């Protein structure tokens, strides 16, 4: 089942697609020349392709915080162009696509980020965001298709389980897991994750706790 909602007649600029639409869209020669010029200038400024990729990724992060998805995607593309083996632009692609509700494509990008990430601290963040992605995509599947919804929820749960195994002190992952479990109406398990988040120092929003109490009183 495909849960992508991107239109077939998408008129967005090519730099608003991950990797400029490659390999499905062939990069024209004149743009390849401009790409090489961009890379040379960036390397001269930052000293290496890896450092330049990091700098453009950080610019993408700032645009994402502003919810400027187009500009964020453009910076992630430039980060990718500078270093295709950097996990960060794929992580960025996934989060932009998720906000656009293009779930199939988003999950592919998160998978690529997980494959490439070799920093143990960023690995848990990437995996936690992957859990968020699977959980969010599950909510887009109609309730009339419980088997498909549950499949995505189960994948979300596995991502969070692995995340918290690798770093039990990563508080936000416990809370994100609680959010996904609440969507599954698993009240007892949600309370357990809330307690783990709080023990790790996370302040769980009161409105979330109100929703959870409506499903099940605090067992304490």
Protein backbone atom coordinates (compact mmCIF):
# COMPACT_ATOMS: atom_id res chain seq x y z
CA UNK A 1 0.00 0.00 0.00
CA UNK A 2 1.35 3.41 -0.93
CA UNK A 3 0.66 6.20 1.54
CA UNK A 4 2.40 8.98 -0.32
CA UNK A 5 0.12 11.89 -1.13
CA UNK A 6 2.44 13.72 -3.52
CA UNK A 7 0.68 14.64 -6.73
CA UNK A 8 1.89 13.17 -9.98
CA UNK A 9 1.79 16.62 -11.57
CA UNK A 10 4.02 18.25 -8.94
CA UNK A 11 5.23 21.64 -10.20
CA UNK A 12 7.83 22.31 -7.53
CA UNK A 13 11.32 23.43 -8.46
CA UNK A 14 13.74 20.59 -9.00
CA UNK A 15 15.82 21.68 -6.00
CA UNK A 16 12.80 21.08 -3.78
CA UNK A 17 13.06 17.34 -4.41
CA UNK A 18 15.61 15.19 -2.56
CA UNK A 19 18.86 14.81 -4.54
CA UNK A 20 17.37 17.07 -7.21
CA UNK A 21 15.09 14.23 -8.24
CA UNK A 22 17.98 11.94 -9.12
CA UNK A 23 18.28 9.25 -10.35
CA UNK A 24 14.78 9.44 -11.84
CA UNK A 25 15.45 12.92 -13.24
CA UNK A 26 18.69 13.19 -15.18
CA UNK A 27 20.78 16.19 -14.19
CA UNK A 28 21.35 18.45 -17.24
CA UNK A 29 24.96 19.14 -18.24
CA UNK A 30 24.75 22.88 -17.59
CA UNK A 31 23.58 22.22 -14.02
CA UNK A 32 26.38 19.70 -13.51
CA UNK A 33 28.84 22.46 -14.41
CA UNK A 34 27.22 24.79 -11.91
CA UNK A 35 27.33 22.01 -9.31
CA UNK A 36 31.08 21.60 -9.78
CA UNK A 37 31.60 25.33 -9.42
CA UNK A 38 29.52 25.35 -6.24
CA UNK A 39 31.50 22.43 -4.80
CA UNK A 40 34.85 24.06 -5.60
CA UNK A 41 33.81 27.35 -4.00
CA UNK A 42 32.43 25.62 -0.90
CA UNK A 43 35.58 23.53 -0.44
CA UNK A 44 37.75 26.61 -0.79
CA UNK A 45 35.68 28.32 1.92
CA UNK A 46 35.38 25.44 4.41
CA UNK A 47 38.47 23.38 3.65
CA UNK A 48 36.75 20.11 2.72
CA UNK A 49 33.58 18.73 1.23
CA UNK A 50 32.64 17.15 4.55
CA UNK A 51 32.90 20.43 6.47
CA UNK A 52 31.02 22.29 3.75
CA UNK A 53 28.28 19.63 3.78
CA UNK A 54 27.90 20.11 7.53
CA UNK A 55 27.62 23.89 7.11
CA UNK A 56 24.87 23.65 4.49
CA UNK A 57 23.05 21.05 6.55
CA UNK A 58 23.00 23.43 9.51
CA UNK A 59 21.51 26.13 7.29
CA UNK A 60 18.84 23.63 6.30
CA UNK A 61 18.13 22.99 9.97
CA UNK A 62 17.55 26.68 10.57
CA UNK A 63 15.07 26.88 7.71
CA UNK A 64 13.32 23.74 8.99
CA UNK A 65 12.93 25.34 12.43
CA UNK A 66 11.22 28.22 10.64
CA UNK A 67 9.02 25.69 8.80
CA UNK A 68 10.37 26.99 5.49
CA UNK A 69 10.32 23.59 3.84
CA UNK A 70 11.40 24.69 0.37
CA UNK A 71 14.51 26.51 1.55
CA UNK A 72 15.32 23.70 3.99
CA UNK A 73 15.16 21.16 1.15
CA UNK A 74 17.41 23.31 -1.03
CA UNK A 75 20.08 23.50 1.68
CA UNK A 76 19.84 19.77 2.37
CA UNK A 77 20.30 19.19 -1.36
CA UNK A 78 23.44 21.30 -1.36
CA UNK A 79 24.67 19.40 1.69
CA UNK A 80 24.02 16.12 -0.16
CA UNK A 81 25.77 17.38 -3.29
CA UNK A 82 28.86 18.18 -1.24
CA UNK A 83 28.94 14.82 0.55
CA UNK A 84 26.52 12.05 -0.52
CA UNK A 85 27.90 9.84 2.27
CA UNK A 86 26.86 12.28 4.99
CA UNK A 87 23.79 10.91 6.76
CA UNK A 88 22.53 14.38 7.70
CA UNK A 89 21.01 15.53 4.39
CA UNK A 90 19.01 12.28 4.15
CA UNK A 91 17.80 12.90 7.70
CA UNK A 92 16.78 16.38 6.60
CA UNK A 93 15.07 15.07 3.46
CA UNK A 94 13.06 12.66 5.59
CA UNK A 95 11.81 15.33 7.98
CA UNK A 96 10.83 17.73 5.19
CA UNK A 97 8.99 14.98 3.32
CA UNK A 98 7.25 13.90 6.51
CA UNK A 99 5.91 17.43 7.01
CA UNK A 100 4.66 17.28 3.44
CA UNK A 101 2.96 13.96 4.31
CA UNK A 102 4.94 12.16 1.60
CA UNK A 103 5.35 9.11 3.76
CA UNK A 104 6.79 6.54 1.38
CA UNK A 105 9.57 8.88 0.29
CA UNK A 106 10.20 10.11 3.83
CA UNK A 107 10.65 6.60 5.19
CA UNK A 108 13.11 5.79 2.41
CA UNK A 109 15.22 8.79 3.37
CA UNK A 110 15.17 7.89 7.05
CA UNK A 111 16.31 4.38 6.12
CA UNK A 112 19.25 5.83 4.17
CA UNK A 113 20.18 8.09 7.10
CA UNK A 114 20.15 5.08 9.46
CA UNK A 115 22.35 3.17 7.04
CA UNK A 116 24.98 5.92 6.88
CA UNK A 117 25.05 7.40 10.38
CA UNK A 118 28.14 6.37 12.33
CA UNK A 119 27.99 8.83 15.21
CA UNK A 120 26.51 7.03 18.23
CA UNK A 121 24.78 10.15 19.55
CA UNK A 122 23.21 11.09 16.24
CA UNK A 123 22.25 7.47 15.59
CA UNK A 124 19.77 7.47 18.45
CA UNK A 125 18.30 10.78 17.26
CA UNK A 126 17.91 9.48 13.70
CA UNK A 127 16.29 6.29 14.96
CA UNK A 128 13.95 8.20 17.27
CA UNK A 129 12.87 10.40 14.35
CA UNK A 130 12.34 7.24 12.30
CA UNK A 131 10.01 6.00 15.02
CA UNK A 132 8.14 9.30 14.89
CA UNK A 133 7.89 8.96 11.11
CA UNK A 134 6.44 5.45 11.21
CA UNK A 135 4.00 6.48 13.93
CA UNK A 136 2.85 9.57 12.06
CA UNK A 137 2.45 7.66 8.81
CA UNK A 138 0.37 5.06 10.63
CA UNK A 139 -2.10 7.77 11.65
CA UNK A 140 -2.59 8.71 7.98
CA UNK A 141 -3.85 5.23 7.17
CA UNK A 142 -7.65 4.92 7.52
CA UNK A 143 -8.96 3.06 10.57
CA UNK A 144 -10.78 0.82 8.10
CA UNK A 145 -7.37 -0.69 7.32
CA UNK A 146 -6.21 -1.78 10.80
CA UNK A 147 -3.72 -4.33 9.52
CA UNK A 148 -1.78 -1.70 7.61
CA UNK A 149 -1.98 0.83 10.46
CA UNK A 150 -0.70 -1.74 12.93
CA UNK A 151 2.18 -2.66 10.64
CA UNK A 152 3.45 0.91 10.72
CA UNK A 153 2.85 1.24 14.45
CA UNK A 154 4.83 -1.94 15.05
CA UNK A 155 7.72 -0.57 13.03
CA UNK A 156 7.58 2.63 15.06
CA UNK A 157 7.69 0.63 18.28
CA UNK A 158 10.72 -1.32 17.07
CA UNK A 159 12.57 1.89 16.23
CA UNK A 160 11.90 3.33 19.67
CA UNK A 161 12.80 0.07 21.39
CA UNK A 162 16.17 0.06 19.66
CA UNK A 163 16.69 3.77 20.32
CA UNK A 164 16.07 3.47 24.04
CA UNK A 165 18.15 0.31 24.24
CA UNK A 166 21.12 2.16 22.76
CA UNK A 167 20.61 5.19 24.99
CA UNK A 168 18.18 4.74 27.90
CA UNK A 169 18.86 8.33 28.96
CA UNK A 170 17.59 9.84 25.70
CA UNK A 171 14.51 11.35 27.30
CA UNK A 172 12.77 12.71 24.22
CA UNK A 173 12.67 9.22 22.67
CA UNK A 174 10.66 7.92 25.63
CA UNK A 175 8.18 10.75 25.21
CA UNK A 176 7.91 10.31 21.44
CA UNK A 177 7.31 6.62 22.02
CA UNK A 178 4.58 7.49 24.52
CA UNK A 179 2.94 9.69 21.89
CA UNK A 180 2.87 6.84 19.39
CA UNK A 181 1.58 4.39 21.99
CA UNK A 182 -1.23 6.77 22.92
CA UNK A 183 -2.30 6.78 19.27
CA UNK A 184 -2.48 2.98 19.59
CA UNK A 185 -4.66 3.31 22.73
CA UNK A 186 -2.09 1.38 24.74
CA UNK A 187 -2.60 3.30 27.96
CA UNK A 188 -0.57 1.15 30.36
CA UNK A 189 2.46 1.11 28.07
CA UNK A 190 2.08 4.86 27.48
CA UNK A 191 2.22 5.54 31.22
CA UNK A 192 5.35 3.40 31.45
CA UNK A 193 7.09 5.45 28.76
CA UNK A 194 5.91 8.70 30.35
CA UNK A 195 7.57 7.64 33.61
CA UNK A 196 10.79 6.80 31.79
CA UNK A 197 10.76 10.18 30.05
CA UNK A 198 10.18 11.99 33.34
CA UNK A 199 12.89 9.98 35.08
CA UNK A 200 15.31 11.03 32.33
CA UNK A 201 14.43 14.68 32.93
CA UNK A 202 11.79 15.34 30.28
CA UNK A 203 8.85 17.58 31.17
CA UNK A 204 5.82 15.89 29.61
CA UNK A 205 3.26 18.49 28.45
CA UNK A 206 0.16 18.70 30.60
CA UNK A 207 -2.19 18.51 27.62
CA UNK A 208 -0.68 15.14 26.73
CA UNK A 209 -1.18 13.91 30.29
CA UNK A 210 -4.81 15.08 30.20
CA UNK A 211 -5.43 12.99 27.08
CA UNK A 212 -3.73 10.01 28.66
CA UNK A 213 -5.75 10.30 31.90
CA UNK A 214 -8.93 10.29 29.85
CA UNK A 215 -7.88 6.93 28.48
CA UNK A 216 -6.61 5.58 31.81
CA UNK A 217 -6.09 7.21 35.23
CA UNK A 218 -2.53 7.57 36.41
CA UNK A 219 -1.63 4.16 37.92
CA UNK A 220 1.30 5.61 39.94
